[in-house]
Protein backbone atom coordinates (compact mmCIF):
# COMPACT_ATOMS: atom_id res chain seq x y z
CA MET A 1 -15.38 33.58 12.20
CA SER A 2 -18.22 33.81 14.71
CA ASP A 3 -20.67 35.26 12.15
CA ILE A 4 -19.91 32.88 9.29
CA ASN A 5 -23.24 31.14 9.83
CA GLU A 6 -24.97 34.33 8.68
CA TYR A 7 -23.39 33.93 5.24
CA LEU A 8 -23.65 30.17 4.65
CA ASP A 9 -27.11 28.87 3.76
CA ASN A 10 -27.87 25.69 5.73
CA SER A 11 -30.59 24.71 3.26
CA THR A 12 -27.87 23.76 0.78
CA GLY A 13 -26.17 21.48 3.31
CA ILE A 14 -26.54 17.76 4.03
CA ASP A 15 -29.38 16.20 6.01
CA VAL A 16 -28.08 14.33 9.06
CA ASN A 17 -31.01 12.84 10.94
CA ASP A 18 -33.21 15.89 10.23
CA LEU A 19 -30.38 18.33 10.99
CA LEU A 20 -29.05 20.36 8.05
CA ILE A 21 -25.27 20.86 8.19
CA ALA A 22 -23.66 23.20 5.67
CA TYR A 23 -20.24 23.56 7.25
CA ILE A 24 -17.94 22.18 9.93
CA LEU A 25 -15.50 24.60 11.55
CA PHE A 26 -12.53 23.51 13.71
CA ALA A 27 -10.14 26.36 14.57
CA ASP A 28 -9.23 27.75 11.12
CA ASP A 29 -10.12 24.54 9.23
CA LEU A 30 -13.42 24.80 7.39
CA ILE A 31 -15.39 22.09 5.60
CA LEU A 32 -18.35 22.94 3.36
CA CYS A 33 -20.91 20.15 2.94
CA SER A 34 -23.60 19.70 0.30
CA GLU A 35 -25.48 16.88 -1.38
CA THR A 36 -25.41 18.48 -4.84
CA PRO A 37 -22.78 20.22 -7.00
CA GLU A 38 -25.02 23.27 -7.27
CA GLY A 39 -25.40 23.47 -3.49
CA LEU A 40 -21.63 23.27 -2.92
CA GLN A 41 -20.94 25.97 -5.48
CA THR A 42 -23.51 28.18 -3.74
CA LEU A 43 -21.69 27.70 -0.45
CA LEU A 44 -18.37 28.55 -2.10
CA ASN A 45 -19.86 31.76 -3.51
CA GLN A 46 -21.25 32.68 -0.07
CA LEU A 47 -17.87 31.96 1.53
CA GLN A 48 -16.24 34.28 -1.02
CA ILE A 49 -18.54 37.10 0.07
CA PHE A 50 -17.67 36.45 3.72
CA CYS A 51 -13.93 36.48 2.99
CA SER A 52 -14.21 39.71 0.96
CA LYS A 53 -15.98 41.49 3.79
CA TRP A 54 -13.44 40.51 6.44
CA HIS A 55 -10.40 40.71 4.13
CA LEU A 56 -9.62 37.02 4.55
CA ILE A 57 -7.55 35.13 1.99
CA LEU A 58 -8.35 31.53 1.08
CA SER A 59 -5.62 29.58 -0.71
CA PRO A 60 -7.09 27.78 -3.74
CA THR A 61 -4.06 25.49 -3.96
CA LYS A 62 -4.69 24.18 -0.43
CA SER A 63 -8.46 23.95 -0.83
CA LYS A 64 -9.75 20.71 -2.32
CA ILE A 65 -13.04 19.14 -3.33
CA MET A 66 -13.97 15.57 -2.38
CA VAL A 67 -17.01 13.75 -3.70
CA PHE A 68 -18.06 10.79 -1.56
CA ASN A 69 -19.63 8.53 -4.15
CA LYS A 70 -19.14 5.03 -5.51
CA ARG A 71 -19.38 6.39 -9.03
CA LYS A 72 -16.75 8.52 -10.74
CA VAL A 73 -17.23 12.27 -10.78
CA ALA A 74 -18.47 13.61 -14.13
CA LYS A 75 -15.70 15.36 -16.04
CA ASN A 76 -17.84 18.43 -16.68
CA VAL A 77 -18.33 19.15 -12.95
CA VAL A 78 -16.17 22.15 -11.97
CA PHE A 79 -16.03 24.07 -8.69
CA THR A 80 -14.59 27.57 -8.45
CA PHE A 81 -13.71 30.04 -5.73
CA ASN A 82 -12.98 33.64 -6.66
CA ASN A 83 -12.60 32.57 -10.31
CA SER A 84 -10.02 29.88 -9.38
CA VAL A 85 -10.83 26.25 -10.20
CA LEU A 86 -10.57 23.96 -7.16
CA GLU A 87 -9.00 20.54 -7.61
CA ILE A 88 -11.17 17.45 -7.11
CA VAL A 89 -9.22 14.81 -5.14
CA PHE A 90 -9.91 11.22 -4.07
CA GLU A 91 -8.21 11.47 -0.69
CA TYR A 92 -7.39 14.26 1.74
CA LYS A 93 -5.84 14.61 5.18
CA TYR A 94 -8.03 16.42 7.68
CA LEU A 95 -7.00 16.74 11.34
CA GLY A 96 -4.38 14.05 10.85
CA VAL A 97 -6.77 11.49 9.32
CA ILE A 98 -6.70 10.45 5.65
CA PHE A 99 -10.19 10.44 4.15
CA SER A 100 -10.89 8.59 0.90
CA SER A 101 -13.78 9.24 -1.46
CA ASN A 102 -14.64 5.52 -1.57
CA THR A 103 -17.80 5.22 0.52
CA ASN A 104 -17.20 1.49 1.14
CA ASP A 105 -14.21 2.40 3.33
CA CYS A 106 -13.48 6.11 3.62
CA PHE A 107 -10.48 5.39 5.90
CA LYS A 108 -8.84 2.79 3.67
CA LYS A 109 -5.66 4.88 3.28
CA ASN A 110 -5.45 6.03 6.89
CA GLY A 111 -3.96 2.84 8.33
CA GLU A 112 -1.11 2.92 5.82
CA HIS A 113 -0.53 6.62 6.59
CA LEU A 114 -0.30 6.07 10.36
CA ALA A 115 1.82 2.94 9.91
CA SER A 116 4.32 4.93 7.82
CA LYS A 117 4.57 7.60 10.52
CA ALA A 118 4.95 4.95 13.23
CA ARG A 119 7.74 3.16 11.33
CA LYS A 120 9.68 6.42 11.02
CA ALA A 121 9.18 7.15 14.72
CA THR A 122 10.26 3.59 15.60
CA PHE A 123 13.46 4.00 13.59
CA ALA A 124 14.16 7.31 15.35
CA LEU A 125 13.47 5.73 18.75
CA ASN A 126 15.79 2.78 18.08
CA SER A 127 18.53 5.13 16.86
CA TYR A 128 18.18 7.32 19.94
CA ILE A 129 18.37 4.32 22.29
CA LYS A 130 21.41 2.95 20.47
CA ASN A 131 23.26 6.27 20.51
CA SER A 132 22.38 7.25 24.08
CA VAL A 133 22.29 4.12 26.25
CA GLY A 134 23.21 1.40 23.76
CA TYR A 135 20.59 -1.13 24.81
CA LEU A 136 17.38 -1.44 26.82
CA ASN A 137 16.02 -4.78 27.94
CA PRO A 138 12.74 -5.88 26.29
CA ARG A 139 10.58 -4.74 29.22
CA GLN A 140 12.01 -1.22 29.05
CA SER A 141 11.86 -1.20 25.24
CA LEU A 142 8.20 -2.17 25.29
CA HIS A 143 7.50 0.63 27.75
CA MET A 144 9.20 3.11 25.41
CA PHE A 145 7.26 1.74 22.45
CA ASP A 146 3.96 2.10 24.33
CA LYS A 147 4.74 5.71 25.24
CA GLN A 148 6.29 6.90 21.97
CA ILE A 149 4.88 4.79 19.13
CA VAL A 150 1.53 3.34 20.21
CA PRO A 151 -0.12 6.82 20.47
CA ILE A 152 0.57 7.23 16.74
CA LEU A 153 -0.99 3.86 15.97
CA ASP A 154 -3.96 4.62 18.25
CA TYR A 155 -4.72 8.00 16.66
CA ALA A 156 -8.47 8.32 15.94
CA CYS A 157 -8.86 4.54 16.36
CA ASP A 158 -12.24 5.03 18.04
CA VAL A 159 -13.58 6.55 14.80
CA THR A 160 -11.64 4.64 12.13
CA TYR A 161 -12.11 1.20 13.74
CA GLY A 162 -13.26 -1.39 11.23
CA SER A 163 -11.29 -0.01 8.29
CA THR A 164 -9.66 -2.67 6.12
CA SER A 165 -6.36 -0.79 6.34
CA ASN A 166 -6.00 -1.18 10.11
CA TYR A 167 -4.07 -4.42 9.67
CA GLU A 168 -1.14 -2.17 8.66
CA LEU A 169 -1.06 -0.85 12.23
CA GLU A 170 -0.68 -4.31 13.73
CA LYS A 171 2.12 -5.09 11.28
CA VAL A 172 4.15 -2.23 12.79
CA HIS A 173 3.47 -3.55 16.30
CA LEU A 174 4.26 -7.18 15.44
CA ASN A 175 7.41 -6.28 13.51
CA TYR A 176 8.69 -4.37 16.53
CA LEU A 177 8.05 -7.36 18.80
CA LYS A 178 10.02 -9.60 16.43
CA TYR A 179 12.75 -6.97 16.31
CA LEU A 180 13.03 -7.07 20.10
CA LEU A 181 13.37 -10.85 20.09
CA CYS A 182 15.68 -10.76 17.04
CA VAL A 183 13.69 -13.56 15.40
CA LYS A 184 12.89 -14.18 11.74
CA PRO A 185 9.98 -12.31 10.10
CA CYS A 186 8.32 -15.68 9.44
CA THR A 187 8.31 -16.59 13.16
CA SER A 188 4.89 -17.58 14.51
CA SER A 189 2.99 -14.48 15.60
CA LYS A 190 1.20 -16.42 18.33
CA ALA A 191 4.53 -17.43 19.85
CA VAL A 192 5.78 -13.83 19.74
CA TYR A 193 2.65 -12.48 21.48
CA ALA A 194 2.85 -15.23 24.11
CA GLU A 195 6.59 -14.80 24.68
CA LEU A 196 6.21 -11.08 25.39
CA GLY A 197 2.74 -11.20 26.96
CA ARG A 198 1.39 -8.69 24.41
CA PHE A 199 -2.14 -8.17 23.13
CA THR A 200 -2.90 -6.98 19.62
CA LEU A 201 -3.68 -3.31 19.04
CA GLU A 202 -7.16 -4.32 17.90
CA THR A 203 -7.93 -5.57 21.42
CA LYS A 204 -7.11 -2.14 22.81
CA HIS A 205 -8.92 -0.35 20.01
CA LYS A 206 -12.13 -2.23 20.74
CA ILE A 207 -12.13 -0.80 24.26
CA GLN A 208 -11.48 2.70 22.88
CA VAL A 209 -14.45 2.28 20.54
CA LEU A 210 -16.73 1.27 23.41
CA LYS A 211 -15.60 4.24 25.52
CA TYR A 212 -16.31 6.59 22.60
CA TRP A 213 -19.70 4.94 22.07
CA GLN A 214 -20.47 5.54 25.74
CA ARG A 215 -19.65 9.25 25.28
CA LEU A 216 -21.94 9.42 22.24
CA LEU A 217 -24.82 7.83 24.13
CA ASN A 218 -24.44 10.35 26.96
CA MET A 219 -24.40 13.41 24.68
CA PRO A 220 -27.44 15.75 24.56
CA ASP A 221 -29.88 14.91 21.76
CA GLY A 222 -29.58 18.27 20.01
CA THR A 223 -25.84 18.13 19.29
CA PRO A 224 -24.72 17.55 15.67
CA ILE A 225 -22.60 14.52 16.63
CA LYS A 226 -25.60 12.92 18.36
CA HIS A 227 -27.63 13.50 15.20
CA ALA A 228 -24.84 11.81 13.22
CA TYR A 229 -24.88 8.83 15.60
CA ASN A 230 -28.66 8.50 15.36
CA GLU A 231 -28.37 8.51 11.57
CA LEU A 232 -25.74 5.75 11.69
CA PHE A 233 -27.87 3.75 14.11
CA SER A 234 -30.91 4.07 11.84
CA LEU A 235 -28.90 2.96 8.79
CA GLN A 236 -27.39 0.04 10.71
CA SER A 237 -30.87 -1.07 11.75
CA SER A 238 -31.71 -1.15 8.02
CA ARG A 239 -28.75 -3.51 7.44
CA HIS A 240 -26.36 -0.85 6.15
CA ARG A 241 -22.84 -1.69 7.37
CA ASN A 242 -21.22 1.24 9.17
CA TRP A 243 -19.46 2.20 12.42
CA CYS A 244 -22.43 1.09 14.51
CA SER A 245 -22.18 -2.38 12.95
CA PHE A 246 -18.66 -2.71 14.32
CA VAL A 247 -19.73 -1.64 17.82
CA LYS A 248 -22.53 -4.19 17.74
CA GLN A 249 -20.17 -6.95 16.58
CA ILE A 250 -17.71 -6.23 19.42
CA LEU A 251 -20.53 -6.79 21.91
CA ILE A 252 -21.80 -9.90 20.12
CA ASP A 253 -18.31 -11.43 20.23
CA VAL A 254 -18.33 -11.26 24.05
CA ASP A 255 -21.97 -12.41 24.37
CA MET A 256 -23.21 -8.99 25.48
CA GLU A 257 -25.58 -8.09 22.65
CA ASP A 258 -28.18 -7.02 25.22
CA ILE A 259 -26.04 -3.94 25.91
CA TRP A 260 -26.44 -2.94 22.28
CA LEU A 261 -30.18 -3.57 22.35
CA ASN A 262 -30.54 -1.42 25.47
CA GLN A 263 -28.24 1.29 24.03
CA ASP A 264 -26.62 1.74 27.41
CA ILE A 265 -23.14 0.84 28.61
CA SER A 266 -21.51 1.54 31.97
CA ASP A 267 -17.89 1.77 33.08
CA LYS A 268 -18.37 -1.57 34.82
CA ASN A 269 -19.51 -3.13 31.54
CA ILE A 270 -16.43 -1.79 29.74
CA ARG A 271 -14.10 -3.19 32.41
CA ALA A 272 -15.82 -6.59 32.17
CA ILE A 273 -15.57 -6.56 28.36
CA LYS A 274 -11.88 -5.66 28.56
CA CYS A 275 -11.27 -8.69 30.80
CA LEU A 276 -13.23 -10.93 28.43
CA LEU A 277 -11.32 -9.67 25.38
CA HIS A 278 -8.02 -10.35 27.13
CA GLU A 279 -9.14 -13.80 28.28
CA ASN A 280 -10.37 -14.70 24.79
CA PHE A 281 -7.13 -13.56 23.18
CA ILE A 282 -5.00 -15.50 25.66
CA ARG A 283 -7.12 -18.60 25.18
CA ASP A 284 -7.04 -18.37 21.39
CA THR A 285 -3.28 -17.76 21.39
CA LEU A 286 -2.43 -20.69 23.65
CA THR A 287 -4.90 -22.93 21.79
CA GLY A 288 -3.25 -21.95 18.51
CA ILE A 289 0.15 -22.86 19.94
CA GLU A 290 -1.22 -26.23 21.04
CA ASP A 291 -2.58 -26.98 17.54
CA SER A 292 0.27 -28.90 15.93
CA GLU A 293 -1.47 -29.06 12.55
CA LYS A 294 -1.80 -25.29 12.21
CA SER A 295 1.47 -24.51 14.01
CA PRO A 296 3.89 -27.39 13.32
CA LYS A 297 6.87 -25.12 14.00
CA LEU A 298 5.76 -24.89 17.63
CA ARG A 299 5.77 -28.62 18.33
CA SER A 300 8.46 -28.11 21.00
CA TYR A 301 7.31 -24.67 22.18
CA LYS A 302 3.89 -25.98 23.20
CA LEU A 303 5.50 -28.46 25.61
CA PHE A 304 6.83 -25.77 27.95
CA LYS A 305 4.82 -22.64 27.09
CA THR A 306 1.65 -22.88 29.17
CA ASP A 307 1.09 -19.28 30.28
CA PHE A 308 0.80 -15.86 28.66
CA ARG A 309 3.32 -13.36 30.04
CA LEU A 310 6.64 -11.66 29.50
CA GLU A 311 9.15 -14.45 30.00
CA ASN A 312 11.64 -14.17 32.88
CA TYR A 313 14.71 -14.71 30.72
CA LEU A 314 14.04 -11.45 28.88
CA SER A 315 14.73 -9.59 32.11
CA CYS A 316 17.18 -11.76 34.02
CA ILE A 317 19.66 -12.62 31.24
CA ARG A 318 22.01 -9.64 31.08
CA ASN A 319 24.11 -10.91 28.19
CA ARG A 320 22.29 -9.77 25.06
CA SER A 321 23.82 -12.49 22.87
CA HIS A 322 22.68 -15.20 25.25
CA GLN A 323 19.21 -13.68 25.41
CA ILE A 324 18.86 -13.53 21.63
CA ALA A 325 20.08 -17.11 21.24
CA LEU A 326 17.51 -18.36 23.75
CA SER A 327 14.69 -16.32 22.15
CA LYS A 328 15.40 -17.82 18.73
CA PHE A 329 15.71 -21.30 20.17
CA ARG A 330 12.43 -21.15 22.11
CA VAL A 331 10.24 -20.01 19.20
CA SER A 332 12.00 -22.18 16.57
CA SER A 333 13.58 -19.25 14.76
CA HIS A 334 16.85 -21.16 14.42
CA ASN A 335 18.71 -23.26 11.86
CA LEU A 336 18.34 -26.74 13.36
CA ARG A 337 17.42 -29.40 10.80
CA ILE A 338 13.87 -29.68 12.13
CA GLU A 339 13.42 -26.13 10.87
CA THR A 340 15.69 -25.86 7.81
CA GLY A 341 14.67 -29.31 6.57
CA ARG A 342 11.19 -28.03 5.75
CA TYR A 343 12.70 -26.05 2.86
CA ASP A 344 14.38 -29.04 1.21
CA ARG A 345 12.50 -29.94 -1.94
CA ASN A 346 14.65 -32.56 -3.69
CA PRO A 347 13.30 -34.61 -2.09
CA LYS A 348 10.96 -33.00 0.42
CA LEU A 349 11.88 -34.05 3.95
CA GLU A 350 9.21 -35.06 6.43
CA PRO A 351 9.84 -34.08 10.08
CA HIS A 352 11.07 -37.56 11.04
CA GLU A 353 13.61 -37.43 8.19
CA ARG A 354 15.35 -34.22 9.30
CA LEU A 355 18.21 -36.01 11.02
CA CYS A 356 21.16 -34.51 12.88
CA ILE A 357 24.25 -34.45 10.66
CA TYR A 358 26.61 -33.67 13.55
CA CYS A 359 26.35 -37.05 15.28
CA THR A 360 25.69 -40.70 14.46
CA SER A 361 22.67 -41.14 16.73
CA ASN A 362 20.28 -41.14 13.75
CA CYS A 363 17.98 -38.76 15.68
CA VAL A 364 15.95 -35.83 14.44
CA GLU A 365 17.84 -32.61 15.10
CA ASP A 366 15.14 -30.82 17.05
CA GLU A 367 15.21 -28.72 20.21
CA ASN A 368 15.06 -31.77 22.46
CA HIS A 369 18.05 -33.40 20.75
CA PHE A 370 19.97 -30.12 20.90
CA ILE A 371 19.49 -29.77 24.67
CA LEU A 372 19.66 -33.41 25.78
CA GLY A 373 21.14 -35.71 23.18
CA CYS A 374 23.68 -34.52 20.64
CA PRO A 375 27.21 -35.64 21.65
CA LEU A 376 28.69 -32.58 19.94
CA TYR A 377 27.74 -30.49 22.98
CA LYS A 378 28.52 -33.00 25.76
CA ASN A 379 30.97 -30.73 27.60
CA GLN A 380 28.56 -27.80 27.66
CA ARG A 381 25.69 -30.13 28.60
CA ARG A 382 27.62 -31.48 31.59
CA LEU A 383 27.92 -27.96 33.02
CA LEU A 384 24.21 -27.25 32.45
CA PHE A 385 23.08 -30.55 33.96
CA ASN A 386 25.20 -30.01 37.08
CA ILE A 387 23.31 -26.77 37.70
CA CYS A 388 19.94 -28.42 36.94
CA LYS A 389 20.64 -31.22 39.45
CA ARG A 390 21.19 -28.65 42.19
CA ASN A 391 18.04 -26.68 41.38
CA ILE A 392 15.50 -29.20 40.03
CA ASP A 393 14.17 -31.92 42.33
CA ASN A 394 14.81 -35.50 41.18
CA PHE A 395 16.33 -34.29 37.92
CA ASP A 396 18.28 -37.54 37.37
CA SER A 397 15.13 -39.66 37.63
CA LEU A 398 13.22 -37.72 34.95
CA ASN A 399 12.83 -39.00 31.39
CA ASP A 400 14.15 -36.92 28.49
CA GLU A 401 10.85 -35.20 27.70
CA ASN A 402 10.27 -34.15 31.31
CA ARG A 403 13.87 -32.98 31.63
CA PHE A 404 13.42 -30.83 28.55
CA ILE A 405 10.18 -29.35 29.90
CA LYS A 406 11.66 -28.70 33.34
CA ILE A 407 14.71 -26.93 31.90
CA MET A 408 12.81 -24.84 29.36
CA SER A 409 10.01 -23.83 31.74
CA SER A 410 12.22 -23.15 34.75
CA LYS A 411 11.70 -19.85 36.60
CA ASN A 412 15.01 -20.23 38.42
CA GLU A 413 17.31 -17.38 37.32
CA ILE A 414 20.46 -19.49 37.70
CA ILE A 415 19.08 -22.15 35.34
CA ILE A 416 17.76 -19.53 32.92
CA ARG A 417 21.10 -17.71 32.66
CA ASN A 418 23.03 -20.92 32.17
CA LEU A 419 20.52 -22.18 29.62
CA GLY A 420 21.01 -19.00 27.58
CA LYS A 421 24.76 -19.47 27.82
CA TYR A 422 24.45 -23.14 26.80
CA VAL A 423 22.30 -22.39 23.74
CA TYR A 424 24.60 -19.57 22.62
CA ASN A 425 27.79 -21.61 23.01
CA CYS A 426 26.35 -24.71 21.37
CA PHE A 427 25.14 -22.81 18.32
CA ASN A 428 28.64 -21.34 18.00
CA ILE A 429 30.14 -24.84 18.12
CA ARG A 430 27.58 -26.02 15.56
CA SER A 431 28.37 -23.14 13.22
CA LYS A 432 32.10 -24.01 13.26
CA TYR A 433 31.30 -27.55 12.13
CA SER A 434 28.96 -26.22 9.42
CA ARG A 435 31.70 -24.33 7.61
């Protein structure tokens, strides 16, 4: 293939920042490029001559034509190779990336494609864990996910960043986090990220984009990819939205637009931006949890969740049932009246009307009432409180709200394990009375 350039006429190719490109060759994958139907057909004819000389066979069924244009391709446009008509398609997979002919977002199908592959790999991973070791704690499961699944979701993210389909990638990530906690699909995403100390894939992808941009800036001026970057930069300067626009916006979001203006970024800059992106995400997540109007389900969670990290109970509670019960309880993915009452419509129940039906205290059945007040669980509560008195200073002198906060935010493994046991046992008692 080393002499193919002698057969393909560059003058029929596309102009990329004053560089004419007629073909792109990667191993045995060949792309022919032209700005006109006549030019592309000329390249196909020249390729046929090359193949005839070297006795190479090109499969017409595997060879496709894509026209990157906002308008539909005219029906009378036909491309042939060795008298075989080549199919015109609207999307095609090249080097593992799905390209679409829509110039507004040529990667609009790629996110869905990668998400589908990641879901299949996640299912295989979960099946393997179940059949081999039975169960891994969340920390170990997240490590496996990062090693086995995230590389699929990260594939070509430095190039495809900004595509509208990339939200599909985060859905796979978020669904796995909810699977680990065994919480409802409708559970607050902010609570799930905070509970596991996880950042979105987009946060990571932004750093990958900046690292790739740094590589582009450091490339020699004569290389085709540097010509392509200069063309994108020129178009972006003329207010055409493209990949460069997304790079610029990343820098604007962290108040570092001067880096874009100087067209120079160092490793130190990238490390600083990574820290800023993480800080901003943590701040926005915790602020969202604090906002009772936007996140009313987290009215109890915000009282004791003040930091962003993998919670201790996910590692120290060995009993999986106790761990799941506590996860659901913490993020309000349970069936207490404060949660289920929101779905009553005849009549609609306001939060203060969602009363406990298992006691006569006339109190709202929320997390606080479940831990501290409901007489139904008095025997279990006595055991929990005895442990709290030994491990929490001045526990008896605290009011109910502070008791609740101290218990739920405790880092003491003894309290955490017994809290998980309490929540699990009390929900079992509650379910017996619900039948």
